[in-house]
Amino acid sequence: MNNRFDSKISNTSGNIMKIKSQLSEGVELVAVSKFHSIEAVREAYNAGQRIFGENRVQELIAKQPALPDDIEWHFIGTLQTNKVRFIAPFVSMIQSVDSLKLMQEINRQAGKCNRIIRVLLEVHIAEEDSKHGFSPEDCENLFRQGILVQFENMHVCGLMGMATFTDDTEQIRREFRTLRMLFNAIKSLPATDKSLFTELSMGMSDDYLIAIDEGSTMVRIGSVIFGVRGK
């Protein structure tokens, strides 16, 4: 399950090229740049990478103005409602939406900015209490009950999930498959806008190849690109 390449930042370009050569058609790479420097992000940008993921608001709002405007910033970590306003003016996607309260605030702040913010609903599929997200049942009910139509400034574009951190590849595969089946079930519902509901974000540095096999459309990879991160 170890997919790590070169841990040196100097080989960022080569690492990105190698990962992209492994991606199926239609699978996007989110380069997880959390805890890495602006210079490291710029090196990845110069190698052609345009989508970057951050999980801390303070770090994201420090990096965003110092880097090119055509970067698509994805927020991938736990997001507190009182921090949404800081990223609402520019964030391309929030992948970690795990409550109705958070959705309401994203919609409110997006409206203030005259924007529509794309989001993914985070689903808890791992056998770990430390992971966040809706249960599969609660997630599906949001669509079945038409709750999401109230959010005019927010588009729910798909689902995100994290597998258990384990060496048991069959368990990881089962968990990703559970998320893919939920994604397909939601997409088949009459009320789901199939033109918007297109993204299934699953797979990180240690398990992205399994995730791609199981239907991921978006992989979130950090250490395999940038090396072991600082704190």
C-alpha atoms as a PDB file:
ATOM      1  CA  MET A   1       0.000   0.000   0.000  1.00  0.00           C
ATOM      2  CA  ASN A   2       3.057   2.255   0.002  1.00  0.00           C
ATOM      3  CA  ASN A   3       2.864   4.461  -3.089  1.00  0.00           C
ATOM      4  CA  ARG A   4       5.464   6.999  -2.004  1.00  0.00           C
ATOM      5  CA  PHE A   5       7.945   8.266  -4.540  1.00  0.00           C
ATOM      6  CA  ASP A   6      10.671  10.818  -3.842  1.00  0.00           C
ATOM      7  CA  SER A   7      10.254  12.657  -0.528  1.00  0.00           C
ATOM      8  CA  LYS A   8      12.312  15.664  -1.649  1.00  0.00           C
ATOM      9  CA  ILE A   9      10.512  18.816  -2.678  1.00  0.00           C
ATOM     10  CA  SER A  10      13.031  19.180  -5.527  1.00  0.00           C
ATOM     11  CA  ASN A  11      11.322  16.259  -7.287  1.00  0.00           C
ATOM     12  CA  THR A  12       7.819  17.685  -6.975  1.00  0.00           C
ATOM     13  CA  SER A  13       7.462  17.983 -10.734  1.00  0.00           C
ATOM     14  CA  GLY A  14       8.460  14.367 -11.326  1.00  0.00           C
ATOM     15  CA  ASN A  15       6.169  13.124  -8.588  1.00  0.00           C
ATOM     16  CA  ILE A  16       3.208  14.980 -10.083  1.00  0.00           C
ATOM     17  CA  MET A  17       3.924  13.586 -13.527  1.00  0.00           C
ATOM     18  CA  LYS A  18       4.149  10.046 -12.175  1.00  0.00           C
ATOM     19  CA  ILE A  19       0.873  10.332 -10.253  1.00  0.00           C
ATOM     20  CA  LYS A  20      -0.957  11.807 -13.237  1.00  0.00           C
ATOM     21  CA  SER A  21       0.257   8.925 -15.388  1.00  0.00           C
ATOM     22  CA  GLN A  22      -1.576   6.578 -12.984  1.00  0.00           C
ATOM     23  CA  LEU A  23      -4.887   8.434 -13.030  1.00  0.00           C
ATOM     24  CA  SER A  24      -7.783   7.128 -15.046  1.00  0.00           C
ATOM     25  CA  GLU A  25      -9.469   9.449 -17.520  1.00  0.00           C
ATOM     26  CA  GLY A  26     -11.675  11.924 -15.691  1.00  0.00           C
ATOM     27  CA  VAL A  27      -9.862  11.636 -12.341  1.00  0.00           C
ATOM     28  CA  GLU A  28      -8.605  14.963 -10.959  1.00  0.00           C
ATOM     29  CA  LEU A  29      -5.544  15.383  -8.749  1.00  0.00           C
ATOM     30  CA  VAL A  30      -5.881  17.624  -5.691  1.00  0.00           C
ATOM     31  CA  ALA A  31      -2.376  18.413  -4.457  1.00  0.00           C
ATOM     32  CA  VAL A  32      -2.648  18.632  -0.672  1.00  0.00           C
ATOM     33  CA  SER A  33      -0.344  21.489   0.215  1.00  0.00           C
ATOM     34  CA  LYS A  34      -1.184  21.859   3.904  1.00  0.00           C
ATOM     35  CA  PHE A  35       1.904  22.568   6.040  1.00  0.00           C
ATOM     36  CA  HIS A  36       3.992  23.090   2.896  1.00  0.00           C
ATOM     37  CA  SER A  37       5.525  26.384   1.857  1.00  0.00           C
ATOM     38  CA  ILE A  38       4.386  28.846  -0.774  1.00  0.00           C
ATOM     39  CA  GLU A  39       7.561  27.950  -2.678  1.00  0.00           C
ATOM     40  CA  ALA A  40       6.565  24.270  -2.721  1.00  0.00           C
ATOM     41  CA  VAL A  41       3.107  25.153  -4.025  1.00  0.00           C
ATOM     42  CA  ARG A  42       4.637  27.381  -6.683  1.00  0.00           C
ATOM     43  CA  GLU A  43       6.909  24.557  -7.806  1.00  0.00           C
ATOM     44  CA  ALA A  44       3.903  22.269  -8.198  1.00  0.00           C
ATOM     45  CA  TYR A  45       2.062  25.050 -10.040  1.00  0.00           C
ATOM     46  CA  ASN A  46       4.988  25.454 -12.434  1.00  0.00           C
ATOM     47  CA  ALA A  47       4.749  21.705 -13.091  1.00  0.00           C
ATOM     48  CA  GLY A  48       1.194  22.235 -14.321  1.00  0.00           C
ATOM     49  CA  GLN A  49      -0.800  21.514 -11.163  1.00  0.00           C
ATOM     50  CA  ARG A  50      -3.780  23.834 -10.638  1.00  0.00           C
ATOM     51  CA  ILE A  51      -5.912  22.287  -7.873  1.00  0.00           C
ATOM     52  CA  PHE A  52      -4.590  22.490  -4.317  1.00  0.00           C
ATOM     53  CA  GLY A  53      -6.131  21.379  -1.018  1.00  0.00           C
ATOM     54  CA  GLU A  54      -5.736  23.008   2.384  1.00  0.00           C
ATOM     55  CA  ASN A  55      -7.241  22.054   5.737  1.00  0.00           C
ATOM     56  CA  ARG A  56      -6.562  25.123   7.874  1.00  0.00           C
ATOM     57  CA  VAL A  57      -8.282  28.427   7.185  1.00  0.00           C
ATOM     58  CA  GLN A  58      -5.437  30.558   8.539  1.00  0.00           C
ATOM     59  CA  GLU A  59      -2.893  28.834   6.302  1.00  0.00           C
ATOM     60  CA  LEU A  60      -5.133  29.023   3.255  1.00  0.00           C
ATOM     61  CA  ILE A  61      -5.856  32.743   3.542  1.00  0.00           C
ATOM     62  CA  ALA A  62      -2.117  33.390   3.941  1.00  0.00           C
ATOM     63  CA  LYS A  63      -1.194  31.426   0.806  1.00  0.00           C
ATOM     64  CA  GLN A  64      -4.017  32.429  -1.523  1.00  0.00           C
ATOM     65  CA  PRO A  65      -3.019  36.072  -2.188  1.00  0.00           C
ATOM     66  CA  ALA A  66       0.654  35.130  -2.640  1.00  0.00           C
ATOM     67  CA  LEU A  67       0.007  32.646  -5.440  1.00  0.00           C
ATOM     68  CA  PRO A  68      -1.475  32.786  -8.983  1.00  0.00           C
ATOM     69  CA  ASP A  69      -5.150  33.672  -9.351  1.00  0.00           C
ATOM     70  CA  ASP A  70      -5.969  30.651 -11.515  1.00  0.00           C
ATOM     71  CA  ILE A  71      -5.313  28.166  -8.700  1.00  0.00           C
ATOM     72  CA  GLU A  72      -8.444  26.290  -7.622  1.00  0.00           C
ATOM     73  CA  TRP A  73      -8.360  26.113  -3.837  1.00  0.00           C
ATOM     74  CA  HIS A  74     -10.213  23.230  -2.203  1.00  0.00           C
ATOM     75  CA  PHE A  75     -10.820  23.239   1.533  1.00  0.00           C
ATOM     76  CA  ILE A  76     -10.536  19.647   2.761  1.00  0.00           C
ATOM     77  CA  GLY A  77     -10.390  19.849   6.557  1.00  0.00           C
ATOM     78  CA  THR A  78     -12.841  20.353   9.398  1.00  0.00           C
ATOM     79  CA  LEU A  79     -14.403  23.770   8.882  1.00  0.00           C
ATOM     80  CA  GLN A  80     -15.886  25.803  11.712  1.00  0.00           C
ATOM     81  CA  THR A  81     -18.878  27.924  10.793  1.00  0.00           C
ATOM     82  CA  ASN A  82     -17.223  31.095  12.101  1.00  0.00           C
ATOM     83  CA  LYS A  83     -14.340  30.633   9.650  1.00  0.00           C
ATOM     84  CA  VAL A  84     -16.402  30.241   6.471  1.00  0.00           C
ATOM     85  CA  ARG A  85     -16.483  33.990   5.811  1.00  0.00           C
ATOM     86  CA  PHE A  86     -12.707  34.119   5.409  1.00  0.00           C
ATOM     87  CA  ILE A  87     -12.599  31.690   2.484  1.00  0.00           C
ATOM     88  CA  ALA A  88     -16.005  32.303   0.880  1.00  0.00           C
ATOM     89  CA  PRO A  89     -14.746  35.055  -1.464  1.00  0.00           C
ATOM     90  CA  PHE A  90     -12.368  32.759  -3.354  1.00  0.00           C
ATOM     91  CA  VAL A  91     -12.587  29.054  -2.441  1.00  0.00           C
ATOM     92  CA  SER A  92     -13.418  26.825  -5.422  1.00  0.00           C
ATOM     93  CA  MET A  93     -14.749  23.877  -3.450  1.00  0.00           C
ATOM     94  CA  ILE A  94     -15.332  22.865   0.165  1.00  0.00           C
ATOM     95  CA  GLN A  95     -14.956  19.099   0.316  1.00  0.00           C
ATOM     96  CA  SER A  96     -15.628  18.564   4.006  1.00  0.00           C
ATOM     97  CA  VAL A  97     -19.226  19.619   4.598  1.00  0.00           C
ATOM     98  CA  ASP A  98     -20.460  17.518   7.506  1.00  0.00           C
ATOM     99  CA  SER A  99     -23.528  19.272   8.927  1.00  0.00           C
ATOM    100  CA  LEU A 100     -26.627  21.223   7.970  1.00  0.00           C
ATOM    101  CA  LYS A 101     -25.429  24.101  10.123  1.00  0.00           C
ATOM    102  CA  LEU A 102     -22.257  24.356   8.058  1.00  0.00           C
ATOM    103  CA  MET A 103     -24.249  24.232   4.805  1.00  0.00           C
ATOM    104  CA  GLN A 104     -26.446  27.080   6.003  1.00  0.00           C
ATOM    105  CA  GLU A 105     -23.420  29.234   6.766  1.00  0.00           C
ATOM    106  CA  ILE A 106     -21.672  28.438   3.474  1.00  0.00           C
ATOM    107  CA  ASN A 107     -24.846  29.386   1.620  1.00  0.00           C
ATOM    108  CA  ARG A 108     -25.150  32.621   3.625  1.00  0.00           C
ATOM    109  CA  GLN A 109     -21.559  33.701   3.106  1.00  0.00           C
ATOM    110  CA  ALA A 110     -21.605  32.740  -0.574  1.00  0.00           C
ATOM    111  CA  GLY A 111     -24.678  34.930  -0.995  1.00  0.00           C
ATOM    112  CA  LYS A 112     -22.857  37.868   0.568  1.00  0.00           C
ATOM    113  CA  CYS A 113     -20.096  37.404  -2.003  1.00  0.00           C
ATOM    114  CA  ASN A 114     -22.547  36.943  -4.893  1.00  0.00           C
ATOM    115  CA  ARG A 115     -21.058  33.529  -5.512  1.00  0.00           C
ATOM    116  CA  ILE A 116     -22.160  29.932  -5.765  1.00  0.00           C
ATOM    117  CA  ILE A 117     -19.761  27.689  -3.839  1.00  0.00           C
ATOM    118  CA  ARG A 118     -19.374  24.060  -4.859  1.00  0.00           C
ATOM    119  CA  VAL A 119     -19.321  21.585  -1.979  1.00  0.00           C
ATOM    120  CA  LEU A 120     -18.978  17.879  -1.322  1.00  0.00           C
ATOM    121  CA  LEU A 121     -20.760  16.151   1.549  1.00  0.00           C
ATOM    122  CA  GLU A 122     -18.362  14.260   3.778  1.00  0.00           C
ATOM    123  CA  VAL A 123     -19.551  10.744   4.585  1.00  0.00           C
ATOM    124  CA  HIS A 124     -18.237   8.697   7.493  1.00  0.00           C
ATOM    125  CA  ILE A 125     -17.200   5.335   6.027  1.00  0.00           C
ATOM    126  CA  ALA A 126     -14.164   4.461   8.173  1.00  0.00           C
ATOM    127  CA  GLU A 127     -14.020   2.328  11.313  1.00  0.00           C
ATOM    128  CA  GLU A 128     -12.438   5.226  13.182  1.00  0.00           C
ATOM    129  CA  ASP A 129     -14.174   7.658  15.514  1.00  0.00           C
ATOM    130  CA  SER A 130     -11.688  10.389  14.589  1.00  0.00           C
ATOM    131  CA  LYS A 131     -13.180  10.683  11.118  1.00  0.00           C
ATOM    132  CA  HIS A 132     -16.050  13.100  10.510  1.00  0.00           C
ATOM    133  CA  GLY A 133     -19.084  13.126   8.283  1.00  0.00           C
ATOM    134  CA  PHE A 134     -22.705  12.182   7.734  1.00  0.00           C
ATOM    135  CA  SER A 135     -23.732   8.575   8.050  1.00  0.00           C
ATOM    136  CA  PRO A 136     -24.608   7.075   4.652  1.00  0.00           C
ATOM    137  CA  GLU A 137     -28.281   6.947   5.691  1.00  0.00           C
ATOM    138  CA  ASP A 138     -28.426  10.582   6.808  1.00  0.00           C
ATOM    139  CA  CYS A 139     -26.613  11.692   3.677  1.00  0.00           C
ATOM    140  CA  GLU A 140     -29.065   9.942   1.382  1.00  0.00           C
ATOM    141  CA  ASN A 141     -32.017  11.335   3.334  1.00  0.00           C
ATOM    142  CA  LEU A 142     -30.843  14.902   2.657  1.00  0.00           C
ATOM    143  CA  PHE A 143     -31.529  14.240  -1.010  1.00  0.00           C
ATOM    144  CA  ARG A 144     -34.633  12.107  -0.581  1.00  0.00           C
ATOM    145  CA  GLN A 145     -36.285  14.739   1.612  1.00  0.00           C
ATOM    146  CA  GLY A 146     -35.371  17.650  -0.669  1.00  0.00           C
ATOM    147  CA  ILE A 147     -33.556  19.500   2.110  1.00  0.00           C
ATOM    148  CA  LEU A 148     -30.749  20.765  -0.124  1.00  0.00           C
ATOM    149  CA  VAL A 149     -32.931  22.735  -2.554  1.00  0.00           C
ATOM    150  CA  GLN A 150     -33.097  25.612  -0.054  1.00  0.00           C
ATOM    151  CA  PHE A 151     -29.448  26.498  -0.637  1.00  0.00           C
ATOM    152  CA  GLU A 152     -29.390  28.832  -3.643  1.00  0.00           C
ATOM    153  CA  ASN A 153     -25.733  29.824  -3.300  1.00  0.00           C
ATOM    154  CA  MET A 154     -24.304  26.369  -2.796  1.00  0.00           C
ATOM    155  CA  HIS A 155     -24.118  23.450  -5.215  1.00  0.00           C
ATOM    156  CA  VAL A 156     -23.699  19.957  -3.817  1.00  0.00           C
ATOM    157  CA  CYS A 157     -21.462  18.367  -6.441  1.00  0.00           C
ATOM    158  CA  GLY A 158     -20.840  14.972  -4.865  1.00  0.00           C
ATOM    159  CA  LEU A 159     -19.433  13.092  -1.896  1.00  0.00           C
ATOM    160  CA  MET A 160     -16.114  12.831  -0.067  1.00  0.00           C
ATOM    161  CA  GLY A 161     -14.858  10.147   2.297  1.00  0.00           C
ATOM    162  CA  MET A 162     -11.760   8.787   3.997  1.00  0.00           C
ATOM    163  CA  ALA A 163     -11.053   5.102   4.478  1.00  0.00           C
ATOM    164  CA  THR A 164      -9.690   3.597   7.679  1.00  0.00           C
ATOM    165  CA  PHE A 165      -5.929   4.012   8.098  1.00  0.00           C
ATOM    166  CA  THR A 166      -4.954   0.356   7.906  1.00  0.00           C
ATOM    167  CA  ASP A 167      -2.804  -2.078   5.941  1.00  0.00           C
ATOM    168  CA  ASP A 168      -5.907  -4.181   5.249  1.00  0.00           C
ATOM    169  CA  THR A 169      -6.451  -3.298   1.596  1.00  0.00           C
ATOM    170  CA  GLU A 170      -9.671  -5.310   1.415  1.00  0.00           C
ATOM    171  CA  GLN A 171     -11.182  -3.227   4.204  1.00  0.00           C
ATOM    172  CA  ILE A 172     -10.145  -0.037   2.420  1.00  0.00           C
ATOM    173  CA  ARG A 173     -11.669  -1.345  -0.800  1.00  0.00           C
ATOM    174  CA  ARG A 174     -14.954  -2.209   0.971  1.00  0.00           C
ATOM    175  CA  GLU A 175     -15.185   1.249   2.476  1.00  0.00           C
ATOM    176  CA  PHE A 176     -14.563   2.987  -0.834  1.00  0.00           C
ATOM    177  CA  ARG A 177     -17.076   0.687  -2.505  1.00  0.00           C
ATOM    178  CA  THR A 178     -19.664   1.635   0.134  1.00  0.00           C
ATOM    179  CA  LEU A 179     -19.157   5.292  -0.726  1.00  0.00           C
ATOM    180  CA  ARG A 180     -19.337   4.649  -4.457  1.00  0.00           C
ATOM    181  CA  MET A 181     -22.591   2.707  -4.052  1.00  0.00           C
ATOM    182  CA  LEU A 182     -24.049   5.571  -2.007  1.00  0.00           C
ATOM    183  CA  PHE A 183     -22.929   8.044  -4.680  1.00  0.00           C
ATOM    184  CA  ASN A 184     -24.633   5.983  -7.386  1.00  0.00           C
ATOM    185  CA  ALA A 185     -27.809   5.608  -5.302  1.00  0.00           C
ATOM    186  CA  ILE A 186     -28.051   9.361  -4.713  1.00  0.00           C
ATOM    187  CA  LYS A 187     -27.337  10.144  -8.352  1.00  0.00           C
ATOM    188  CA  SER A 188     -30.200   7.887  -9.409  1.00  0.00           C
ATOM    189  CA  LEU A 189     -32.749   9.770  -7.292  1.00  0.00           C
ATOM    190  CA  PRO A 190     -35.242  11.840  -9.337  1.00  0.00           C
ATOM    191  CA  ALA A 191     -34.503  14.998  -7.306  1.00  0.00           C
ATOM    192  CA  THR A 192     -30.727  14.860  -7.869  1.00  0.00           C
ATOM    193  CA  ASP A 193     -29.333  17.247 -10.473  1.00  0.00           C
ATOM    194  CA  LYS A 194     -27.172  14.811 -12.401  1.00  0.00           C
ATOM    195  CA  SER A 195     -25.372  17.603 -14.236  1.00  0.00           C
ATOM    196  CA  LEU A 196     -24.040  18.923 -10.898  1.00  0.00           C
ATOM    197  CA  PHE A 197     -23.686  15.745  -8.851  1.00  0.00           C
ATOM    198  CA  THR A 198     -20.549  14.366 -10.531  1.00  0.00           C
ATOM    199  CA  GLU A 199     -17.678  14.156  -8.012  1.00  0.00           C
ATOM    200  CA  LEU A 200     -16.605  11.303  -5.775  1.00  0.00           C
ATOM    201  CA  SER A 201     -13.544  12.410  -3.799  1.00  0.00           C
ATOM    202  CA  MET A 202     -11.774   9.481  -2.190  1.00  0.00           C
ATOM    203  CA  GLY A 203      -8.188   8.310  -2.031  1.00  0.00           C
ATOM    204  CA  MET A 204      -5.088   9.802  -0.406  1.00  0.00           C
ATOM    205  CA  SER A 205      -1.356   9.118  -0.578  1.00  0.00           C
ATOM    206  CA  ASP A 206      -1.517   5.564   0.798  1.00  0.00           C
ATOM    207  CA  ASP A 207      -4.701   4.349  -0.883  1.00  0.00           C
ATOM    208  CA  TYR A 208      -5.399   6.398  -4.018  1.00  0.00           C
ATOM    209  CA  LEU A 209      -4.791   3.525  -6.431  1.00  0.00           C
ATOM    210  CA  ILE A 210      -7.494   1.481  -4.678  1.00  0.00           C
ATOM    211  CA  ALA A 211      -9.782   4.508  -4.710  1.00  0.00           C
ATOM    212  CA  ILE A 212      -9.345   4.928  -8.461  1.00  0.00           C
ATOM    213  CA  ASP A 213     -10.215   1.261  -8.955  1.00  0.00           C
ATOM    214  CA  GLU A 214     -13.398   1.844  -6.955  1.00  0.00           C
ATOM    215  CA  GLY A 215     -14.578   4.816  -8.966  1.00  0.00           C
ATOM    216  CA  SER A 216     -12.984   7.924  -7.463  1.00  0.00           C
ATOM    217  CA  THR A 217     -13.127  11.056  -9.615  1.00  0.00           C
ATOM    218  CA  MET A 218     -10.841  13.093  -7.371  1.00  0.00           C
ATOM    219  CA  VAL A 219      -7.811  12.017  -5.306  1.00  0.00           C
ATOM    220  CA  ARG A 220      -6.252  14.120  -2.534  1.00  0.00           C
ATOM    221  CA  ILE A 221      -2.493  13.546  -2.426  1.00  0.00           C
ATOM    222  CA  GLY A 222       0.078  15.367  -0.328  1.00  0.00           C
ATOM    223  CA  SER A 223       3.131  13.514   0.950  1.00  0.00           C
ATOM    224  CA  VAL A 224       3.681  11.537  -2.255  1.00  0.00           C
ATOM    225  CA  ILE A 225       4.026  14.887  -4.038  1.00  0.00           C
ATOM    226  CA  PHE A 226       5.687  17.137  -1.479  1.00  0.00           C
ATOM    227  CA  GLY A 227       7.353  14.726   0.919  1.00  0.00           C
ATOM    228  CA  VAL A 228       6.666  14.353   4.628  1.00  0.00           C
ATOM    229  CA  ARG A 229       5.074  17.558   5.812  1.00  0.00           C
ATOM    230  CA  GLY A 230       6.065  19.743   8.703  1.00  0.00           C
ATOM    231  CA  LYS A 231       3.713  21.140  11.348  1.00  0.00           C
END
